[in-house]
Protein backbone atom coordinates (compact mmCIF):
# COMPACT_ATOMS: atom_id res chain seq x y z
CA UNK A 1 -0.23 -0.15 0.11
CA UNK A 2 1.33 3.48 -1.21
CA UNK A 3 1.23 6.07 1.89
CA UNK A 4 1.21 9.50 1.40
CA UNK A 5 3.45 12.50 2.87
CA UNK A 6 4.58 15.97 2.71
CA UNK A 7 8.08 17.42 2.97
CA UNK A 8 6.94 20.15 4.93
CA UNK A 9 4.11 22.35 6.15
CA UNK A 10 3.93 26.23 6.13
CA UNK A 11 4.57 26.97 9.66
CA UNK A 12 3.31 30.84 9.62
CA UNK A 13 -0.15 29.99 9.72
CA UNK A 14 -3.29 31.00 7.85
CA UNK A 15 -3.48 34.46 8.94
CA UNK A 16 0.60 34.65 9.28
CA UNK A 17 0.14 34.29 13.31
CA UNK A 18 3.73 33.26 13.77
CA UNK A 19 5.09 36.58 12.18
CA UNK A 20 2.53 38.62 14.26
CA UNK A 21 3.67 36.33 17.52
CA UNK A 22 7.55 36.90 16.81
CA UNK A 23 7.25 40.56 15.86
CA UNK A 24 4.63 41.13 19.18
CA UNK A 25 7.54 39.26 21.21
CA UNK A 26 10.53 41.18 19.69
CA UNK A 27 8.60 44.39 20.33
CA UNK A 28 8.11 43.39 24.00
CA UNK A 29 4.26 43.01 23.40
CA UNK A 30 4.49 39.37 24.16
CA UNK A 31 6.13 37.13 26.74
CA UNK A 32 8.41 34.80 25.74
CA UNK A 33 6.04 31.71 27.54
CA UNK A 34 3.22 33.41 25.00
CA UNK A 35 5.40 33.05 21.89
CA UNK A 36 6.13 29.50 22.74
CA UNK A 37 2.45 29.07 23.60
CA UNK A 38 1.81 30.27 20.15
CA UNK A 39 4.11 27.99 18.31
CA UNK A 40 2.94 25.22 20.38
CA UNK A 41 -0.87 25.88 19.08
CA UNK A 42 0.22 26.55 15.47
CA UNK A 43 2.14 23.18 15.29
CA UNK A 44 -0.64 21.27 16.90
CA UNK A 45 -3.21 22.73 14.45
CA UNK A 46 -1.13 21.96 11.53
CA UNK A 47 -0.32 18.24 12.10
CA UNK A 48 -4.17 18.13 12.90
CA UNK A 49 -4.79 19.79 9.14
CA UNK A 50 -2.36 16.94 7.57
CA UNK A 51 -4.27 14.06 9.52
CA UNK A 52 -7.90 15.25 8.53
CA UNK A 53 -6.28 15.32 4.74
CA UNK A 54 -5.34 11.71 5.17
CA UNK A 55 -1.62 12.63 5.21
CA UNK A 56 -0.13 8.81 6.11
CA UNK A 57 3.38 10.35 7.52
CA UNK A 58 3.55 13.88 9.04
CA UNK A 59 6.86 15.54 9.41
CA UNK A 60 7.67 16.54 12.89
CA UNK A 61 10.70 19.02 14.18
CA UNK A 62 10.56 21.11 11.27
CA UNK A 63 9.65 23.89 12.93
CA UNK A 64 11.53 27.16 13.29
CA UNK A 65 10.59 30.47 14.96
CA UNK A 66 12.01 32.41 12.42
CA UNK A 67 14.68 31.09 9.66
CA UNK A 68 15.17 27.38 9.26
CA UNK A 69 18.40 27.99 7.57
CA UNK A 70 19.85 29.91 10.64
CA UNK A 71 18.79 27.09 12.94
CA UNK A 72 20.54 24.69 10.75
CA UNK A 73 23.93 26.96 10.96
CA UNK A 74 23.74 26.68 14.73
CA UNK A 75 22.90 23.26 15.04
CA UNK A 76 25.59 22.22 12.77
CA UNK A 77 27.99 24.73 14.38
CA UNK A 78 28.68 25.97 10.52
CA UNK A 79 31.95 28.19 10.37
CA UNK A 80 31.71 31.59 8.57
CA UNK A 81 35.19 31.16 6.64
CA UNK A 82 34.68 34.78 5.34
CA UNK A 83 34.78 36.06 8.89
CA UNK A 84 36.95 33.98 10.96
CA UNK A 85 37.45 36.33 13.58
CA UNK A 86 33.75 35.44 14.99
CA UNK A 87 32.05 32.53 16.54
CA UNK A 88 30.04 30.48 14.29
CA UNK A 89 26.63 31.42 16.27
CA UNK A 90 27.28 35.31 15.44
CA UNK A 91 28.31 34.48 11.51
């Protein structure tokens, strides 16, 4: 039997909820705990949408608050060859 899967799912939300929550947090209008709660709500809602649509294999651990590429740069401790005096987390 063939199973369905997706490579990723838009994380921003129908009304760009994550973008608005990030900007509110950066502006001091939303607490860190509230930002995390909104991210959790979005992840659960997106998993449910996929499940209800009949997706068999739902991706997880693909969430980023802002930039997935920057998350991976930090996760894999990528070095910045053009700026060797900077630590990789600042690159």
